[in-house]
Amino acid sequence: MPGRFIRKFIFEPGLISALTLIGILILSGLLYYRSVRIQRFLEPALAISQPRIEFSNSFYNLYEKEFGPERTEGVLFTSNSIFVHGLNLLAGKPSQEDVSEPMMYQKLARIFDAILKDPDLSPDVEMILIGTKVYPTSNHDLNERSRVEAQQRAEFILHALFAVAPELEKKFGTYFASTALQTDIPEEVGWVEFRIIPSGRLHISIIQTLQHHAE
């Protein structure tokens, strides 16, 4: 009698297998549904970032060709900028017109020349901006002097770049500009940024990609 009572609550092996199979099918369906939703989100996101990634990769390959794969002291690379510490660019004040490391300018000039010569890369470049950093203080007069000095340094560095690579100025001088940039971190003041400002073509490529995935 007790065994018969217990058997009422025990499923047959075939029924257990069927329920297990149904559970697996339901779980597979849920996972597939979620993967499809994730894919629909990831595909446009990846497509949008692809033009920038491709440009950054090409930019880095040119950087690596000049500076090597190992970290170079006083030089940093980001996706659209090269940062060079001022000590590698200026021996003294800009008024002294003394280029401390002409080789550094030559490396930078070759990178930008290669980008602007490349028919696949140059349309994505609106401007190459040379920026020196300024840290603001509570002293207005000091801020004004610092800004003027930073602007002079930026202009000197641009002129030094063209002096080392006159062909770069002759062919692509209109792409370059120099300015003083404000920063909230005092330690960043010593760095000079060579930033590539993207052109409208890069934004158009992103819009076209969005339209393609919206259809």
Protein backbone atom coordinates (compact mmCIF):
# COMPACT_ATOMS: atom_id res chain seq x y z
CA MET A 1 0.00 0.00 0.00
CA PRO A 2 2.73 2.56 0.88
CA GLY A 3 4.57 1.76 -2.41
CA ARG A 4 1.41 2.32 -4.42
CA PHE A 5 0.93 5.69 -2.66
CA ILE A 6 4.51 6.75 -3.47
CA ARG A 7 4.23 5.75 -7.13
CA LYS A 8 1.41 8.28 -7.53
CA PHE A 9 3.99 11.07 -7.12
CA ILE A 10 6.70 9.56 -9.34
CA PHE A 11 6.56 10.36 -13.07
CA GLU A 12 7.23 7.72 -15.66
CA PRO A 13 10.72 7.91 -17.27
CA GLY A 14 9.21 8.73 -20.65
CA LEU A 15 7.23 11.61 -19.21
CA ILE A 16 10.33 12.96 -17.44
CA SER A 17 12.28 12.89 -20.71
CA ALA A 18 9.46 14.69 -22.50
CA LEU A 19 9.24 17.40 -19.85
CA THR A 20 13.02 17.82 -19.91
CA LEU A 21 12.97 18.16 -23.69
CA ILE A 22 10.17 20.73 -23.51
CA GLY A 23 12.12 22.69 -20.90
CA ILE A 24 15.23 22.67 -23.08
CA LEU A 25 13.23 23.86 -26.09
CA ILE A 26 11.65 26.70 -24.09
CA LEU A 27 15.04 27.74 -22.69
CA SER A 28 16.60 27.60 -26.17
CA GLY A 29 13.80 29.79 -27.51
CA LEU A 30 14.31 32.37 -24.77
CA LEU A 31 18.06 32.43 -25.32
CA TYR A 32 17.60 32.79 -29.07
CA TYR A 33 15.12 35.64 -28.59
CA ARG A 34 17.52 37.44 -26.29
CA SER A 35 20.47 36.89 -28.63
CA VAL A 36 18.47 38.32 -31.54
CA ARG A 37 17.63 41.42 -29.51
CA ILE A 38 21.26 41.86 -28.47
CA GLN A 39 22.41 41.39 -32.07
CA ARG A 40 19.96 44.02 -33.30
CA PHE A 41 21.50 46.44 -30.83
CA LEU A 42 25.14 45.49 -31.39
CA GLU A 43 25.11 45.50 -35.20
CA PRO A 44 24.26 49.23 -35.57
CA ALA A 45 26.58 50.13 -32.68
CA LEU A 46 29.49 48.28 -34.26
CA ALA A 47 28.69 49.67 -37.69
CA ILE A 48 28.62 53.22 -36.33
CA SER A 49 32.00 52.85 -34.65
CA GLN A 50 33.62 51.03 -37.59
CA PRO A 51 34.66 54.14 -39.60
CA ARG A 52 36.30 55.68 -36.52
CA ILE A 53 37.96 52.40 -35.59
CA GLU A 54 39.35 51.94 -39.10
CA PHE A 55 40.72 55.50 -39.15
CA SER A 56 42.23 55.11 -35.67
CA ASN A 57 43.86 51.84 -36.67
CA SER A 58 45.41 53.43 -39.75
CA PHE A 59 46.54 56.40 -37.66
CA TYR A 60 48.11 54.09 -35.07
CA ASN A 61 49.91 52.06 -37.74
CA LEU A 62 51.59 55.24 -38.97
CA TYR A 63 52.41 56.24 -35.40
CA GLU A 64 53.88 52.81 -34.65
CA LYS A 65 55.97 52.96 -37.81
CA GLU A 66 57.68 56.11 -36.53
CA PHE A 67 57.79 55.54 -32.76
CA GLY A 68 57.75 51.74 -32.56
CA PRO A 69 55.40 49.41 -30.67
CA GLU A 70 56.97 50.12 -27.27
CA ARG A 71 56.00 53.13 -25.17
CA THR A 72 58.11 56.20 -25.98
CA GLU A 73 59.02 58.47 -23.09
CA GLY A 74 57.25 61.79 -23.39
CA VAL A 75 54.90 60.64 -26.17
CA LEU A 76 51.35 59.32 -25.84
CA PHE A 77 48.91 58.09 -28.48
CA THR A 78 45.10 58.18 -28.34
CA SER A 79 42.50 57.34 -30.95
CA ASN A 80 42.72 60.76 -32.64
CA SER A 81 45.65 62.57 -30.98
CA ILE A 82 49.36 62.38 -30.34
CA PHE A 83 50.53 64.01 -27.10
CA VAL A 84 54.16 65.11 -26.87
CA HIS A 85 55.66 66.60 -23.74
CA GLY A 86 56.93 70.12 -24.28
CA LEU A 87 60.44 69.17 -23.20
CA ASN A 88 60.68 67.06 -26.36
CA LEU A 89 59.68 70.02 -28.52
CA LEU A 90 61.14 73.14 -26.93
CA ALA A 91 64.56 73.71 -25.42
CA GLY A 92 63.59 77.14 -24.09
CA LYS A 93 61.02 79.82 -24.72
CA PRO A 94 59.44 80.18 -28.16
CA SER A 95 61.13 83.53 -28.63
CA GLN A 96 64.49 81.75 -28.65
CA GLU A 97 63.45 79.82 -31.76
CA ASP A 98 65.33 76.76 -30.56
CA VAL A 99 64.05 73.33 -31.59
CA SER A 100 65.38 70.86 -29.05
CA GLU A 101 64.41 67.66 -30.88
CA PRO A 102 64.15 68.12 -34.66
CA MET A 103 63.81 64.34 -35.01
CA MET A 104 60.53 64.51 -33.07
CA TYR A 105 59.19 67.06 -35.54
CA GLN A 106 60.35 64.91 -38.45
CA LYS A 107 58.49 61.89 -37.11
CA LEU A 108 55.30 63.89 -36.59
CA ALA A 109 55.62 65.49 -40.02
CA ARG A 110 55.95 62.09 -41.71
CA ILE A 111 52.85 60.80 -39.91
CA PHE A 112 50.67 63.75 -40.92
CA ASP A 113 52.10 63.83 -44.43
CA ALA A 114 51.22 60.14 -44.88
CA ILE A 115 47.66 60.72 -43.62
CA LEU A 116 47.03 63.72 -45.84
CA LYS A 117 48.54 61.97 -48.88
CA ASP A 118 46.34 58.91 -48.46
CA PRO A 119 43.18 59.21 -50.60
CA ASP A 120 41.30 56.96 -48.16
CA LEU A 121 42.29 58.87 -45.02
CA SER A 122 42.60 62.52 -46.03
CA PRO A 123 38.85 63.03 -46.71
CA ASP A 124 38.22 62.15 -43.04
CA VAL A 125 40.50 64.96 -41.82
CA GLU A 126 39.08 68.44 -41.33
CA MET A 127 42.03 69.90 -39.42
CA ILE A 128 45.16 69.02 -37.47
CA LEU A 129 45.11 71.18 -34.36
CA ILE A 130 48.24 71.83 -32.32
CA GLY A 131 47.17 72.72 -28.80
CA THR A 132 49.14 73.77 -25.72
CA LYS A 133 47.39 73.53 -22.35
CA VAL A 134 46.57 76.39 -19.97
CA TYR A 135 45.52 75.88 -16.35
CA PRO A 136 43.25 78.71 -15.11
CA THR A 137 43.72 80.29 -11.68
CA SER A 138 41.85 82.91 -9.66
CA ASN A 139 44.28 85.58 -10.89
CA HIS A 140 42.90 87.17 -14.06
CA ASP A 141 46.16 88.85 -15.09
CA LEU A 142 48.11 85.63 -14.59
CA ASN A 143 45.54 83.72 -16.64
CA GLU A 144 45.86 86.22 -19.47
CA ARG A 145 49.67 86.01 -19.49
CA SER A 146 49.54 82.21 -19.36
CA ARG A 147 47.10 82.09 -22.26
CA VAL A 148 49.24 84.41 -24.40
CA GLU A 149 52.39 82.39 -23.63
CA ALA A 150 50.61 79.11 -24.40
CA GLN A 151 49.36 80.53 -27.69
CA GLN A 152 52.89 81.64 -28.57
CA ARG A 153 54.22 78.16 -27.78
CA ALA A 154 51.58 76.55 -29.98
CA GLU A 155 52.39 78.90 -32.87
CA PHE A 156 56.12 78.31 -32.43
CA ILE A 157 55.65 74.53 -32.50
CA LEU A 158 53.61 74.78 -35.70
CA HIS A 159 56.28 76.97 -37.31
CA ALA A 160 59.01 74.57 -36.13
CA LEU A 161 57.11 71.66 -37.65
CA PHE A 162 56.95 73.47 -40.99
CA ALA A 163 60.61 74.53 -40.72
CA VAL A 164 61.68 70.90 -40.35
CA ALA A 165 59.26 69.73 -43.08
CA PRO A 166 58.71 72.62 -45.53
CA GLU A 167 56.98 70.34 -48.04
CA LEU A 168 54.30 69.64 -45.45
CA GLU A 169 53.48 73.34 -45.23
CA LYS A 170 53.65 73.76 -48.97
CA LYS A 171 51.23 70.93 -49.74
CA PHE A 172 49.02 70.78 -46.66
CA GLY A 173 49.56 74.00 -44.69
CA THR A 174 45.86 74.89 -44.75
CA TYR A 175 45.04 71.79 -42.71
CA PHE A 176 47.02 72.99 -39.67
CA ALA A 177 46.13 75.41 -36.88
CA SER A 178 47.49 76.19 -33.41
CA THR A 179 45.77 77.31 -30.23
CA ALA A 180 45.90 77.40 -26.42
CA LEU A 181 43.56 74.90 -24.75
CA GLN A 182 42.24 75.19 -21.21
CA THR A 183 42.66 72.24 -18.85
CA ASP A 184 41.42 71.54 -15.32
CA ILE A 185 44.48 69.46 -14.43
CA PRO A 186 47.72 71.37 -13.72
CA GLU A 187 49.89 68.35 -14.55
CA GLU A 188 48.65 68.38 -18.16
CA VAL A 189 50.04 71.85 -18.87
CA GLY A 190 53.39 70.54 -20.08
CA TRP A 191 51.88 68.43 -22.85
CA VAL A 192 51.31 69.48 -26.46
CA GLU A 193 48.45 67.85 -28.31
CA PHE A 194 48.43 67.13 -32.05
CA ARG A 195 44.73 66.43 -32.54
CA ILE A 196 43.06 65.30 -35.75
CA ILE A 197 39.65 66.94 -36.09
CA PRO A 198 37.39 64.63 -38.15
CA SER A 199 35.67 65.95 -41.25
CA GLY A 200 32.00 65.77 -42.11
CA ARG A 201 32.58 62.66 -44.24
CA LEU A 202 32.98 60.57 -41.12
CA HIS A 203 29.64 61.81 -39.79
CA ILE A 204 27.98 61.17 -43.16
CA SER A 205 29.25 57.59 -43.09
CA ILE A 206 27.67 57.13 -39.67
CA ILE A 207 24.31 58.52 -40.86
CA GLN A 208 24.35 56.28 -43.91
CA THR A 209 25.06 53.29 -41.68
CA LEU A 210 22.13 54.17 -39.42
CA GLN A 211 19.81 54.47 -42.42
CA HIS A 212 20.94 51.08 -43.69
CA HIS A 213 20.10 49.39 -40.37
CA ALA A 214 16.81 51.26 -40.04
CA GLU A 215 15.52 49.85 -43.34
